[in-house]
Amino acid sequence: MSATTTTTPTMTMELTETAAEEIKKFVAGEEGLPETAGLRVRVVPGGCSGFQYSLNIEEDSRSGDHILDKHGVRLFIDMFSAQYLNGVKIDYVTGMMGSGFTFTNPNATGGCGCGSSFTA
């Protein structure tokens, strides 16, 4: 009988240096965060297209999370969200309409006009 091993599927995500710098500013503004802290990137039901992106600073990862380190920022992605976020590029842009994080998602099959939700 051969031994089998279960491996977690590979998860990739791109975070631009501009986005990483903005995230570092948010983390620096939070008092008392441990060194294990990072940014949770998730997909949650909602928005006009079905799914929305969610970004939250958390003190530690959870069991089963993918943990990525990009430009000195630790990213936590849960297994449910990973299927929708694999290959996503997160950027931070500033323009006439304001500034904020943008997501380029190769897994999205559609989106809304405001760009804050997507269909998979």
PDB file of N, CA and C in Angstrom:
ATOM      1  N   MET A   1       0.844  -1.169   0.000  1.00  0.00           N
ATOM      2  CA  MET A   1       0.000   0.000   0.000  1.00  0.00           C
ATOM      3  C   MET A   1       0.894   1.239   0.000  1.00  0.00           C
ATOM      4  N   SER A   2       0.649   2.139  -0.929  1.00  0.00           N
ATOM      5  CA  SER A   2       1.487   3.338  -0.996  1.00  0.00           C
ATOM      6  C   SER A   2       0.871   4.456  -0.154  1.00  0.00           C
ATOM      7  N   ALA A   3       1.741   5.238   0.400  1.00  0.00           N
ATOM      8  CA  ALA A   3       1.281   6.361   1.214  1.00  0.00           C
ATOM      9  C   ALA A   3       0.887   7.520   0.288  1.00  0.00           C
ATOM     10  N   THR A   4      -0.217   8.146   0.602  1.00  0.00           N
ATOM     11  CA  THR A   4      -0.636   9.305  -0.182  1.00  0.00           C
ATOM     12  C   THR A   4      -0.557  10.545   0.689  1.00  0.00           C
ATOM     13  N   THR A   5      -0.234  11.624   0.068  1.00  0.00           N
ATOM     14  CA  THR A   5      -0.186  12.878   0.812  1.00  0.00           C
ATOM     15  C   THR A   5      -1.176  13.841   0.192  1.00  0.00           C
ATOM     16  N   THR A   6      -1.778  14.613   1.024  1.00  0.00           N
ATOM     17  CA  THR A   6      -2.698  15.629   0.524  1.00  0.00           C
ATOM     18  C   THR A   6      -1.942  16.938   0.511  1.00  0.00           C
ATOM     19  N   THR A   7      -2.038  17.621  -0.616  1.00  0.00           N
ATOM     20  CA  THR A   7      -1.381  18.914  -0.696  1.00  0.00           C
ATOM     21  C   THR A   7      -2.424  19.981  -0.952  1.00  0.00           C
ATOM     22  N   THR A   8      -2.173  21.115  -0.388  1.00  0.00           N
ATOM     23  CA  THR A   8      -3.054  22.247  -0.608  1.00  0.00           C
ATOM     24  C   THR A   8      -2.760  22.797  -1.997  1.00  0.00           C
ATOM     25  N   PRO A   9      -3.798  23.072  -2.793  1.00  0.00           N
ATOM     26  CA  PRO A   9      -3.549  23.630  -4.112  1.00  0.00           C
ATOM     27  C   PRO A   9      -2.774  24.949  -4.016  1.00  0.00           C
ATOM     28  N   THR A  10      -1.975  25.218  -5.026  1.00  0.00           N
ATOM     29  CA  THR A  10      -1.184  26.438  -5.056  1.00  0.00           C
ATOM     30  C   THR A  10      -2.081  27.660  -5.175  1.00  0.00           C
ATOM     31  N   MET A  11      -1.737  28.682  -4.436  1.00  0.00           N
ATOM     32  CA  MET A  11      -2.488  29.943  -4.451  1.00  0.00           C
ATOM     33  C   MET A  11      -1.513  31.047  -4.828  1.00  0.00           C
ATOM     34  N   THR A  12      -1.850  31.826  -5.851  1.00  0.00           N
ATOM     35  CA  THR A  12      -1.014  32.955  -6.218  1.00  0.00           C
ATOM     36  C   THR A  12      -1.846  34.231  -6.186  1.00  0.00           C
ATOM     37  N   MET A  13      -1.207  35.305  -5.844  1.00  0.00           N
ATOM     38  CA  MET A  13      -1.862  36.610  -5.822  1.00  0.00           C
ATOM     39  C   MET A  13      -0.772  37.656  -5.993  1.00  0.00           C
ATOM     40  N   GLU A  14      -1.075  38.687  -6.754  1.00  0.00           N
ATOM     41  CA  GLU A  14      -0.116  39.775  -6.941  1.00  0.00           C
ATOM     42  C   GLU A  14      -0.580  40.988  -6.148  1.00  0.00           C
ATOM     43  N   LEU A  15       0.355  41.607  -5.457  1.00  0.00           N
ATOM     44  CA  LEU A  15       0.100  42.827  -4.705  1.00  0.00           C
ATOM     45  C   LEU A  15       1.127  43.840  -5.170  1.00  0.00           C
ATOM     46  N   THR A  16       0.678  44.957  -5.716  1.00  0.00           N
ATOM     47  CA  THR A  16       1.631  45.952  -6.197  1.00  0.00           C
ATOM     48  C   THR A  16       2.337  46.605  -5.016  1.00  0.00           C
ATOM     49  N   GLU A  17       3.493  47.196  -5.295  1.00  0.00           N
ATOM     50  CA  GLU A  17       4.228  47.878  -4.231  1.00  0.00           C
ATOM     51  C   GLU A  17       3.426  49.052  -3.680  1.00  0.00           C
ATOM     52  N   THR A  18       2.672  49.729  -4.544  1.00  0.00           N
ATOM     53  CA  THR A  18       1.839  50.851  -4.108  1.00  0.00           C
ATOM     54  C   THR A  18       0.787  50.374  -3.116  1.00  0.00           C
ATOM     55  N   ALA A  19       0.123  49.253  -3.422  1.00  0.00           N
ATOM     56  CA  ALA A  19      -0.889  48.692  -2.520  1.00  0.00           C
ATOM     57  C   ALA A  19      -0.239  48.252  -1.214  1.00  0.00           C
ATOM     58  N   ALA A  20       0.940  47.625  -1.303  1.00  0.00           N
ATOM     59  CA  ALA A  20       1.639  47.173  -0.094  1.00  0.00           C
ATOM     60  C   ALA A  20       1.962  48.355   0.824  1.00  0.00           C
ATOM     61  N   GLU A  21       2.397  49.472   0.251  1.00  0.00           N
ATOM     62  CA  GLU A  21       2.719  50.650   1.062  1.00  0.00           C
ATOM     63  C   GLU A  21       1.471  51.184   1.776  1.00  0.00           C
ATOM     64  N   GLU A  22       0.329  51.201   1.090  1.00  0.00           N
ATOM     65  CA  GLU A  22      -0.917  51.661   1.725  1.00  0.00           C
ATOM     66  C   GLU A  22      -1.332  50.729   2.854  1.00  0.00           C
ATOM     67  N   ILE A  23      -1.194  49.430   2.637  1.00  0.00           N
ATOM     68  CA  ILE A  23      -1.546  48.452   3.671  1.00  0.00           C
ATOM     69  C   ILE A  23      -0.635  48.634   4.884  1.00  0.00           C
ATOM     70  N   LYS A  24       0.655  48.856   4.644  1.00  0.00           N
ATOM     71  CA  LYS A  24       1.599  49.069   5.747  1.00  0.00           C
ATOM     72  C   LYS A  24       1.212  50.296   6.571  1.00  0.00           C
ATOM     73  N   LYS A  25       0.699  51.327   5.910  1.00  0.00           N
ATOM     74  CA  LYS A  25       0.244  52.529   6.625  1.00  0.00           C
ATOM     75  C   LYS A  25      -0.927  52.192   7.551  1.00  0.00           C
ATOM     76  N   PHE A  26      -1.886  51.397   7.046  1.00  0.00           N
ATOM     77  CA  PHE A  26      -3.035  50.988   7.869  1.00  0.00           C
ATOM     78  C   PHE A  26      -2.575  50.166   9.062  1.00  0.00           C
ATOM     79  N   VAL A  27      -1.681  49.210   8.816  1.00  0.00           N
ATOM     80  CA  VAL A  27      -1.191  48.333   9.888  1.00  0.00           C
ATOM     81  C   VAL A  27      -0.442  49.156  10.931  1.00  0.00           C
ATOM     82  N   ALA A  28       0.372  50.116  10.482  1.00  0.00           N
ATOM     83  CA  ALA A  28       1.131  50.960  11.420  1.00  0.00           C
ATOM     84  C   ALA A  28       0.199  51.797  12.288  1.00  0.00           C
ATOM     85  N   GLY A  29      -0.978  52.125  11.792  1.00  0.00           N
ATOM     86  CA  GLY A  29      -1.938  52.925  12.544  1.00  0.00           C
ATOM     87  C   GLY A  29      -2.715  52.139  13.585  1.00  0.00           C
ATOM     88  N   GLU A  30      -2.642  50.817  13.516  1.00  0.00           N
ATOM     89  CA  GLU A  30      -3.323  49.959  14.488  1.00  0.00           C
ATOM     90  C   GLU A  30      -2.391  49.700  15.660  1.00  0.00           C
ATOM     91  N   GLU A  31      -2.848  49.980  16.854  1.00  0.00           N
ATOM     92  CA  GLU A  31      -2.005  49.781  18.030  1.00  0.00           C
ATOM     93  C   GLU A  31      -2.070  48.351  18.542  1.00  0.00           C
ATOM     94  N   GLY A  32      -0.935  47.859  19.008  1.00  0.00           N
ATOM     95  CA  GLY A  32      -0.890  46.568  19.682  1.00  0.00           C
ATOM     96  C   GLY A  32      -1.016  45.345  18.793  1.00  0.00           C
ATOM     97  N   LEU A  33      -0.775  45.478  17.492  1.00  0.00           N
ATOM     98  CA  LEU A  33      -0.858  44.305  16.614  1.00  0.00           C
ATOM     99  C   LEU A  33       0.388  43.437  16.792  1.00  0.00           C
ATOM    100  N   PRO A  34       0.208  42.130  16.905  1.00  0.00           N
ATOM    101  CA  PRO A  34       1.365  41.239  17.029  1.00  0.00           C
ATOM    102  C   PRO A  34       2.091  41.115  15.682  1.00  0.00           C
ATOM    103  N   GLU A  35       3.281  40.541  15.710  1.00  0.00           N
ATOM    104  CA  GLU A  35       4.058  40.360  14.473  1.00  0.00           C
ATOM    105  C   GLU A  35       3.382  39.383  13.524  1.00  0.00           C
ATOM    106  N   THR A  36       2.438  38.596  14.013  1.00  0.00           N
ATOM    107  CA  THR A  36       1.724  37.619  13.183  1.00  0.00           C
ATOM    108  C   THR A  36       0.589  38.257  12.385  1.00  0.00           C
ATOM    109  N   ALA A  37       0.357  39.552  12.571  1.00  0.00           N
ATOM    110  CA  ALA A  37      -0.761  40.241  11.922  1.00  0.00           C
ATOM    111  C   ALA A  37      -0.577  40.281  10.406  1.00  0.00           C
ATOM    112  N   GLY A  38      -1.713  40.376   9.720  1.00  0.00           N
ATOM    113  CA  GLY A  38      -1.691  40.464   8.271  1.00  0.00           C
ATOM    114  C   GLY A  38      -3.022  40.960   7.751  1.00  0.00           C
ATOM    115  N   LEU A  39      -3.145  40.958   6.449  1.00  0.00           N
ATOM    116  CA  LEU A  39      -4.355  41.419   5.792  1.00  0.00           C
ATOM    117  C   LEU A  39      -5.145  40.224   5.285  1.00  0.00           C
ATOM    118  N   ARG A  40      -6.386  40.087   5.772  1.00  0.00           N
ATOM    119  CA  ARG A  40      -7.265  39.030   5.263  1.00  0.00           C
ATOM    120  C   ARG A  40      -7.929  39.546   3.998  1.00  0.00           C
ATOM    121  N   VAL A  41      -7.739  38.798   2.910  1.00  0.00           N
ATOM    122  CA  VAL A  41      -8.368  39.103   1.629  1.00  0.00           C
ATOM    123  C   VAL A  41      -9.404  38.018   1.401  1.00  0.00           C
ATOM    124  N   ARG A  42     -10.684  38.428   1.284  1.00  0.00           N
ATOM    125  CA  ARG A  42     -11.732  37.423   1.099  1.00  0.00           C
ATOM    126  C   ARG A  42     -12.751  37.863   0.072  1.00  0.00           C
ATOM    127  N   VAL A  43     -13.531  36.881  -0.290  1.00  0.00           N
ATOM    128  CA  VAL A  43     -14.676  37.098  -1.157  1.00  0.00           C
ATOM    129  C   VAL A  43     -15.899  36.813  -0.297  1.00  0.00           C
ATOM    130  N   VAL A  44     -16.855  37.731  -0.315  1.00  0.00           N
ATOM    131  CA  VAL A  44     -18.083  37.549   0.451  1.00  0.00           C
ATOM    132  C   VAL A  44     -19.280  37.752  -0.480  1.00  0.00           C
ATOM    133  N   PRO A  45     -20.387  37.062  -0.206  1.00  0.00           N
ATOM    134  CA  PRO A  45     -21.578  37.273  -1.018  1.00  0.00           C
ATOM    135  C   PRO A  45     -22.062  38.719  -0.891  1.00  0.00           C
ATOM    136  N   GLY A  46     -22.498  39.287  -2.002  1.00  0.00           N
ATOM    137  CA  GLY A  46     -23.039  40.644  -1.953  1.00  0.00           C
ATOM    138  C   GLY A  46     -22.725  41.420  -3.202  1.00  0.00           C
ATOM    139  N   GLY A  47     -23.097  42.661  -3.188  1.00  0.00           N
ATOM    140  CA  GLY A  47     -22.884  43.516  -4.346  1.00  0.00           C
ATOM    141  C   GLY A  47     -23.900  43.223  -5.430  1.00  0.00           C
ATOM    142  N   CYS A  48     -23.870  44.035  -6.464  1.00  0.00           N
ATOM    143  CA  CYS A  48     -24.868  43.863  -7.518  1.00  0.00           C
ATOM    144  C   CYS A  48     -24.543  42.715  -8.472  1.00  0.00           C
ATOM    145  N   SER A  49     -23.321  42.156  -8.389  1.00  0.00           N
ATOM    146  CA  SER A  49     -22.961  41.054  -9.285  1.00  0.00           C
ATOM    147  C   SER A  49     -22.837  39.709  -8.585  1.00  0.00           C
ATOM    148  N   GLY A  50     -22.963  39.655  -7.274  1.00  0.00           N
ATOM    149  CA  GLY A  50     -22.935  38.377  -6.574  1.00  0.00           C
ATOM    150  C   GLY A  50     -21.871  38.237  -5.499  1.00  0.00           C
ATOM    151  N   PHE A  51     -20.640  38.733  -5.781  1.00  0.00           N
ATOM    152  CA  PHE A  51     -19.538  38.633  -4.816  1.00  0.00           C
ATOM    153  C   PHE A  51     -18.870  39.988  -4.661  1.00  0.00           C
ATOM    154  N   GLN A  52     -18.364  40.238  -3.445  1.00  0.00           N
ATOM    155  CA  GLN A  52     -17.610  41.455  -3.161  1.00  0.00           C
ATOM    156  C   GLN A  52     -16.271  41.068  -2.552  1.00  0.00           C
ATOM    157  N   TYR A  53     -15.301  41.950  -2.694  1.00  0.00           N
ATOM    158  CA  TYR A  53     -14.002  41.764  -2.057  1.00  0.00           C
ATOM    159  C   TYR A  53     -14.056  42.360  -0.658  1.00  0.00           C
ATOM    160  N   SER A  54     -13.327  41.744   0.264  1.00  0.00           N
ATOM    161  CA  SER A  54     -13.273  42.228   1.637  1.00  0.00           C
ATOM    162  C   SER A  54     -11.817  42.230   2.081  1.00  0.00           C
ATOM    163  N   LEU A  55     -11.387  43.343   2.673  1.00  0.00           N
ATOM    164  CA  LEU A  55     -10.032  43.479   3.210  1.00  0.00           C
ATOM    165  C   LEU A  55     -10.127  43.849   4.680  1.00  0.00           C
ATOM    166  N   ASN A  56      -9.508  43.050   5.557  1.00  0.00           N
ATOM    167  CA  ASN A  56      -9.524  43.316   6.999  1.00  0.00           C
ATOM    168  C   ASN A  56      -8.162  43.004   7.583  1.00  0.00           C
ATOM    169  N   ILE A  57      -7.691  43.834   8.481  1.00  0.00           N
ATOM    170  CA  ILE A  57      -6.459  43.544   9.203  1.00  0.00           C
ATOM    171  C   ILE A  57      -6.815  42.591  10.346  1.00  0.00           C
ATOM    172  N   GLU A  58      -6.054  41.491  10.452  1.00  0.00           N
ATOM    173  CA  GLU A  58      -6.287  40.499  11.506  1.00  0.00           C
ATOM    174  C   GLU A  58      -4.984  40.195  12.219  1.00  0.00           C
ATOM    175  N   GLU A  59      -5.107  39.785  13.467  1.00  0.00           N
ATOM    176  CA  GLU A  59      -3.929  39.528  14.297  1.00  0.00           C
ATOM    177  C   GLU A  59      -3.170  38.270  13.905  1.00  0.00           C
ATOM    178  N   ASP A  60      -3.856  37.288  13.327  1.00  0.00           N
ATOM    179  CA  ASP A  60      -3.194  36.023  12.998  1.00  0.00           C
ATOM    180  C   ASP A  60      -3.983  35.299  11.926  1.00  0.00           C
ATOM    181  N   SER A  61      -3.327  34.335  11.296  1.00  0.00           N
ATOM    182  CA  SER A  61      -4.003  33.507  10.302  1.00  0.00           C
ATOM    183  C   SER A  61      -4.882  32.474  11.005  1.00  0.00           C
ATOM    184  N   ARG A  62      -5.726  31.825  10.232  1.00  0.00           N
ATOM    185  CA  ARG A  62      -6.587  30.763  10.756  1.00  0.00           C
ATOM    186  C   ARG A  62      -6.178  29.441  10.130  1.00  0.00           C
ATOM    187  N   SER A  63      -6.592  28.373  10.741  1.00  0.00           N
ATOM    188  CA  SER A  63      -6.298  27.044  10.226  1.00  0.00           C
ATOM    189  C   SER A  63      -6.843  26.912   8.801  1.00  0.00           C
ATOM    190  N   GLY A  64      -6.017  26.411   7.903  1.00  0.00           N
ATOM    191  CA  GLY A  64      -6.441  26.210   6.520  1.00  0.00           C
ATOM    192  C   GLY A  64      -6.206  27.400   5.605  1.00  0.00           C
ATOM    193  N   ASP A  65      -5.760  28.520   6.165  1.00  0.00           N
ATOM    194  CA  ASP A  65      -5.493  29.703   5.342  1.00  0.00           C
ATOM    195  C   ASP A  65      -4.286  29.494   4.434  1.00  0.00           C
ATOM    196  N   HIS A  66      -4.346  30.114   3.268  1.00  0.00           N
ATOM    197  CA  HIS A  66      -3.145  30.317   2.465  1.00  0.00           C
ATOM    198  C   HIS A  66      -2.503  31.571   3.041  1.00  0.00           C
ATOM    199  N   ILE A  67      -1.195  31.541   3.245  1.00  0.00           N
ATOM    200  CA  ILE A  67      -0.480  32.704   3.773  1.00  0.00           C
ATOM    201  C   ILE A  67       0.572  33.092   2.743  1.00  0.00           C
ATOM    202  N   LEU A  68       0.437  34.291   2.216  1.00  0.00           N
ATOM    203  CA  LEU A  68       1.373  34.793   1.213  1.00  0.00           C
ATOM    204  C   LEU A  68       2.088  36.016   1.773  1.00  0.00           C
ATOM    205  N   ASP A  69       3.345  36.188   1.412  1.00  0.00           N
ATOM    206  CA  ASP A  69       4.090  37.376   1.810  1.00  0.00           C
ATOM    207  C   ASP A  69       4.440  38.139   0.540  1.00  0.00           C
ATOM    208  N   LYS A  70       3.921  39.359   0.425  1.00  0.00           N
ATOM    209  CA  LYS A  70       4.143  40.192  -0.758  1.00  0.00           C
ATOM    210  C   LYS A  70       4.640  41.560  -0.316  1.00  0.00           C
ATOM    211  N   HIS A  71       5.855  41.911  -0.712  1.00  0.00           N
ATOM    212  CA  HIS A  71       6.445  43.217  -0.396  1.00  0.00           C
ATOM    213  C   HIS A  71       6.382  43.526   1.096  1.00  0.00           C
ATOM    214  N   GLY A  72       6.600  42.494   1.933  1.00  0.00           N
ATOM    215  CA  GLY A  72       6.598  42.698   3.371  1.00  0.00           C
ATOM    216  C   GLY A  72       5.217  42.734   4.003  1.00  0.00           C
ATOM    217  N   VAL A  73       4.176  42.398   3.242  1.00  0.00           N
ATOM    218  CA  VAL A  73       2.810  42.345   3.766  1.00  0.00           C
ATOM    219  C   VAL A  73       2.360  40.889   3.772  1.00  0.00           C
ATOM    220  N   ARG A  74       1.861  40.425   4.908  1.00  0.00           N
ATOM    221  CA  ARG A  74       1.348  39.063   5.039  1.00  0.00           C
ATOM    222  C   ARG A  74      -0.128  39.071   4.649  1.00  0.00           C
ATOM    223  N   LEU A  75      -0.496  38.201   3.685  1.00  0.00           N
ATOM    224  CA  LEU A  75      -1.878  38.076   3.231  1.00  0.00           C
ATOM    225  C   LEU A  75      -2.444  36.742   3.682  1.00  0.00           C
ATOM    226  N   PHE A  76      -3.667  36.759   4.216  1.00  0.00           N
ATOM    227  CA  PHE A  76      -4.368  35.544   4.627  1.00  0.00           C
ATOM    228  C   PHE A  76      -5.551  35.344   3.689  1.00  0.00           C
ATOM    229  N   ILE A  77      -5.648  34.151   3.075  1.00  0.00           N
ATOM    230  CA  ILE A  77      -6.766  33.850   2.176  1.00  0.00           C
ATOM    231  C   ILE A  77      -7.358  32.511   2.598  1.00  0.00           C
ATOM    232  N   ASP A  78      -8.651  32.502   2.938  1.00  0.00           N
ATOM    233  CA  ASP A  78      -9.303  31.259   3.339  1.00  0.00           C
ATOM    234  C   ASP A  78      -9.551  30.383   2.108  1.00  0.00           C
ATOM    235  N   MET A  79      -9.833  29.098   2.354  1.00  0.00           N
ATOM    236  CA  MET A  79     -10.006  28.128   1.267  1.00  0.00           C
ATOM    237  C   MET A  79     -11.167  28.483   0.335  1.00  0.00           C
ATOM    238  N   PHE A  80     -12.278  28.980   0.872  1.00  0.00           N
ATOM    239  CA  PHE A  80     -13.418  29.347   0.036  1.00  0.00           C
ATOM    240  C   PHE A  80     -13.035  30.484  -0.906  1.00  0.00           C
ATOM    241  N   SER A  81     -12.418  31.518  -0.365  1.00  0.00           N
ATOM    242  CA  SER A  81     -12.060  32.684  -1.163  1.00  0.00           C
ATOM    243  C   SER A  81     -10.959  32.378  -2.168  1.00  0.00           C
ATOM    244  N   ALA A  82     -10.056  31.448  -1.836  1.00  0.00           N
ATOM    245  CA  ALA A  82      -8.922  31.131  -2.709  1.00  0.00           C
ATOM    246  C   ALA A  82      -9.369  30.733  -4.108  1.00  0.00           C
ATOM    247  N   GLN A  83     -10.488  30.022  -4.219  1.00  0.00           N
ATOM    248  CA  GLN A  83     -10.941  29.591  -5.545  1.00  0.00           C
ATOM    249  C   GLN A  83     -11.329  30.771  -6.429  1.00  0.00           C
ATOM    250  N   TYR A  84     -11.711  31.889  -5.831  1.00  0.00           N
ATOM    251  CA  TYR A  84     -12.095  33.077  -6.584  1.00  0.00           C
ATOM    252  C   TYR A  84     -10.963  34.100  -6.689  1.00  0.00           C
ATOM    253  N   LEU A  85      -9.958  33.989  -5.819  1.00  0.00           N
ATOM    254  CA  LEU A  85      -8.905  34.988  -5.761  1.00  0.00           C
ATOM    255  C   LEU A  85      -7.571  34.533  -6.360  1.00  0.00           C
ATOM    256  N   ASN A  86      -7.484  33.288  -6.789  1.00  0.00           N
ATOM    257  CA  ASN A  86      -6.236  32.792  -7.357  1.00  0.00           C
ATOM    258  C   ASN A  86      -5.890  33.586  -8.614  1.00  0.00           C
ATOM    259  N   GLY A  87      -4.702  34.186  -8.633  1.00  0.00           N
ATOM    260  CA  GLY A  87      -4.263  34.962  -9.784  1.00  0.00           C
ATOM    261  C   GLY A  87      -4.687  36.422  -9.782  1.00  0.00           C
ATOM    262  N   VAL A  88      -5.361  36.868  -8.719  1.00  0.00           N
ATOM    263  CA  VAL A  88      -5.851  38.246  -8.635  1.00  0.00           C
ATOM    264  C   VAL A  88      -4.683  39.211  -8.406  1.00  0.00           C
ATOM    265  N   LYS A  89      -4.794  40.392  -8.990  1.00  0.00           N
ATOM    266  CA  LYS A  89      -3.827  41.463  -8.765  1.00  0.00           C
ATOM    267  C   LYS A  89      -4.525  42.575  -7.985  1.00  0.00           C
ATOM    268  N   ILE A  90      -3.938  42.956  -6.841  1.00  0.00           N
ATOM    269  CA  ILE A  90      -4.469  44.041  -6.019  1.00  0.00           C
ATOM    270  C   ILE A  90      -3.548  45.248  -6.188  1.00  0.00           C
ATOM    271  N   ASP A  91      -4.153  46.377  -6.503  1.00  0.00           N
ATOM    272  CA  ASP A  91      -3.403  47.615  -6.673  1.00  0.00           C
ATOM    273  C   ASP A  91      -4.080  48.706  -5.854  1.00  0.00           C
ATOM    274  N   TYR A  92      -3.412  49.813  -5.692  1.00  0.00           N
ATOM    275  CA  TYR A  92      -3.981  50.986  -5.030  1.00  0.00           C
ATOM    276  C   TYR A  92      -3.819  52.143  -6.000  1.00  0.00           C
ATOM    277  N   VAL A  93      -4.936  52.764  -6.370  1.00  0.00           N
ATOM    278  CA  VAL A  93      -4.893  53.840  -7.359  1.00  0.00           C
ATOM    279  C   VAL A  93      -5.466  55.121  -6.770  1.00  0.00           C
ATOM    280  N   THR A  94      -4.953  56.219  -7.274  1.00  0.00           N
ATOM    281  CA  THR A  94      -5.448  57.534  -6.907  1.00  0.00           C
ATOM    282  C   THR A  94      -5.805  58.249  -8.204  1.00  0.00           C
ATOM    283  N   GLY A  95      -7.022  58.785  -8.245  1.00  0.00           N
ATOM    284  CA  GLY A  95      -7.468  59.473  -9.452  1.00  0.00           C
ATOM    285  C   GLY A  95      -8.462  60.560  -9.119  1.00  0.00           C
ATOM    286  N   MET A  96      -9.072  61.105 -10.142  1.00  0.00           N
ATOM    287  CA  MET A  96     -10.036  62.192  -9.963  1.00  0.00           C
ATOM    288  C   MET A  96     -11.244  61.769  -9.142  1.00  0.00           C
ATOM    289  N   MET A  97     -11.602  60.484  -9.216  1.00  0.00           N
ATOM    290  CA  MET A  97     -12.770  59.972  -8.501  1.00  0.00           C
ATOM    291  C   MET A  97     -12.439  59.522  -7.084  1.00  0.00           C
ATOM    292  N   GLY A  98     -11.186  59.709  -6.665  1.00  0.00           N
ATOM    293  CA  GLY A  98     -10.790  59.292  -5.323  1.00  0.00           C
ATOM    294  C   GLY A  98      -9.686  58.258  -5.387  1.00  0.00           C
ATOM    295  N   SER A  99      -9.424  57.632  -4.270  1.00  0.00           N
ATOM    296  CA  SER A  99      -8.381  56.616  -4.231  1.00  0.00           C
ATOM    297  C   SER A  99      -8.918  55.370  -3.547  1.00  0.00           C
ATOM    298  N   GLY A 100      -8.302  54.244  -3.850  1.00  0.00           N
ATOM    299  CA  GLY A 100      -8.725  52.993  -3.232  1.00  0.00           C
ATOM    300  C   GLY A 100      -8.063  51.793  -3.869  1.00  0.00           C
ATOM    301  N   PHE A 101      -8.354  50.651  -3.309  1.00  0.00           N
ATOM    302  CA  PHE A 101      -7.808  49.397  -3.810  1.00  0.00           C
ATOM    303  C   PHE A 101      -8.609  48.932  -5.021  1.00  0.00           C
ATOM    304  N   THR A 102      -7.904  48.408  -6.014  1.00  0.00           N
ATOM    305  CA  THR A 102      -8.556  47.842  -7.190  1.00  0.00           C
ATOM    306  C   THR A 102      -8.140  46.379  -7.318  1.00  0.00           C
ATOM    307  N   PHE A 103      -9.018  45.585  -7.897  1.00  0.00           N
ATOM    308  CA  PHE A 103      -8.782  44.157  -8.070  1.00  0.00           C
ATOM    309  C   PHE A 103      -8.895  43.813  -9.542  1.00  0.00           C
ATOM    310  N   THR A 104      -7.864  43.174 -10.092  1.00  0.00           N
ATOM    311  CA  THR A 104      -7.918  42.645 -11.449  1.00  0.00           C
ATOM    312  C   THR A 104      -8.038  41.141 -11.281  1.00  0.00           C
ATOM    313  N   ASN A 105      -9.221  40.601 -11.628  1.00  0.00           N
ATOM    314  CA  ASN A 105      -9.530  39.205 -11.333  1.00  0.00           C
ATOM    315  C   ASN A 105      -9.742  38.413 -12.624  1.00  0.00           C
ATOM    316  N   PRO A 106      -8.777  37.532 -12.977  1.00  0.00           N
ATOM    317  CA  PRO A 106      -8.932  36.723 -14.185  1.00  0.00           C
ATOM    318  C   PRO A 106     -10.036  35.664 -14.065  1.00  0.00           C
ATOM    319  N   ASN A 107     -10.533  35.419 -12.852  1.00  0.00           N
ATOM    320  CA  ASN A 107     -11.577  34.414 -12.626  1.00  0.00           C
ATOM    321  C   ASN A 107     -12.978  34.986 -12.792  1.00  0.00           C
ATOM    322  N   ALA A 108     -13.104  36.302 -12.806  1.00  0.00           N
ATOM    323  CA  ALA A 108     -14.419  36.934 -12.898  1.00  0.00           C
ATOM    324  C   ALA A 108     -14.972  36.778 -14.311  1.00  0.00           C
ATOM    325  N   THR A 109     -16.235  36.393 -14.394  1.00  0.00           N
ATOM    326  CA  THR A 109     -16.897  36.270 -15.697  1.00  0.00           C
ATOM    327  C   THR A 109     -17.744  37.493 -15.997  1.00  0.00           C
ATOM    328  N   GLY A 110     -17.916  38.351 -15.023  1.00  0.00           N
ATOM    329  CA  GLY A 110     -18.687  39.576 -15.203  1.00  0.00           C
ATOM    330  C   GLY A 110     -18.483  40.477 -14.011  1.00  0.00           C
ATOM    331  N   GLY A 111     -18.940  41.699 -14.134  1.00  0.00           N
ATOM    332  CA  GLY A 111     -18.798  42.644 -13.037  1.00  0.00           C
ATOM    333  C   GLY A 111     -19.858  43.714 -13.142  1.00  0.00           C
ATOM    334  N   CYS A 112     -19.810  44.615 -12.211  1.00  0.00           N
ATOM    335  CA  CYS A 112     -20.790  45.702 -12.209  1.00  0.00           C
ATOM    336  C   CYS A 112     -20.116  46.993 -12.671  1.00  0.00           C
ATOM    337  N   GLY A 113     -20.907  47.978 -12.956  1.00  0.00           N
ATOM    338  CA  GLY A 113     -20.385  49.253 -13.423  1.00  0.00           C
ATOM    339  C   GLY A 113     -19.516  49.969 -12.417  1.00  0.00           C
ATOM    340  N   CYS A 114     -19.805  49.783 -11.134  1.00  0.00           N
ATOM    341  CA  CYS A 114     -19.026  50.490 -10.115  1.00  0.00           C
ATOM    342  C   CYS A 114     -17.714  49.771  -9.803  1.00  0.00           C
ATOM    343  N   GLY A 115     -17.561  48.518 -10.247  1.00  0.00           N
ATOM    344  CA  GLY A 115     -16.312  47.791 -10.053  1.00  0.00           C
ATOM    345  C   GLY A 115     -16.110  47.218  -8.679  1.00  0.00           C
ATOM    346  N   SER A 116     -17.132  47.240  -7.830  1.00  0.00           N
ATOM    347  CA  SER A 116     -16.933  46.735  -6.465  1.00  0.00           C
ATOM    348  C   SER A 116     -17.435  45.313  -6.260  1.00  0.00           C
ATOM    349  N   SER A 117     -18.056  44.734  -7.284  1.00  0.00           N
ATOM    350  CA  SER A 117     -18.470  43.335  -7.161  1.00  0.00           C
ATOM    351  C   SER A 117     -18.270  42.620  -8.487  1.00  0.00           C
ATOM    352  N   PHE A 118     -18.330  41.282  -8.443  1.00  0.00           N
ATOM    353  CA  PHE A 118     -18.075  40.503  -9.644  1.00  0.00           C
ATOM    354  C   PHE A 118     -18.880  39.215  -9.643  1.00  0.00           C
ATOM    355  N   THR A 119     -18.949  38.587 -10.807  1.00  0.00           N
ATOM    356  CA  THR A 119     -19.600  37.299 -11.005  1.00  0.00           C
ATOM    357  C   THR A 119     -18.513  36.287 -11.337  1.00  0.00           C
ATOM    358  N   ALA A 120     -18.625  35.089 -10.772  1.00  0.00           N
ATOM    359  CA  ALA A 120     -17.625  34.054 -11.071  1.00  0.00           C
ATOM    360  C   ALA A 120     -18.296  32.886 -11.756  1.00  0.00           C
TER     361      ALA A 120
END
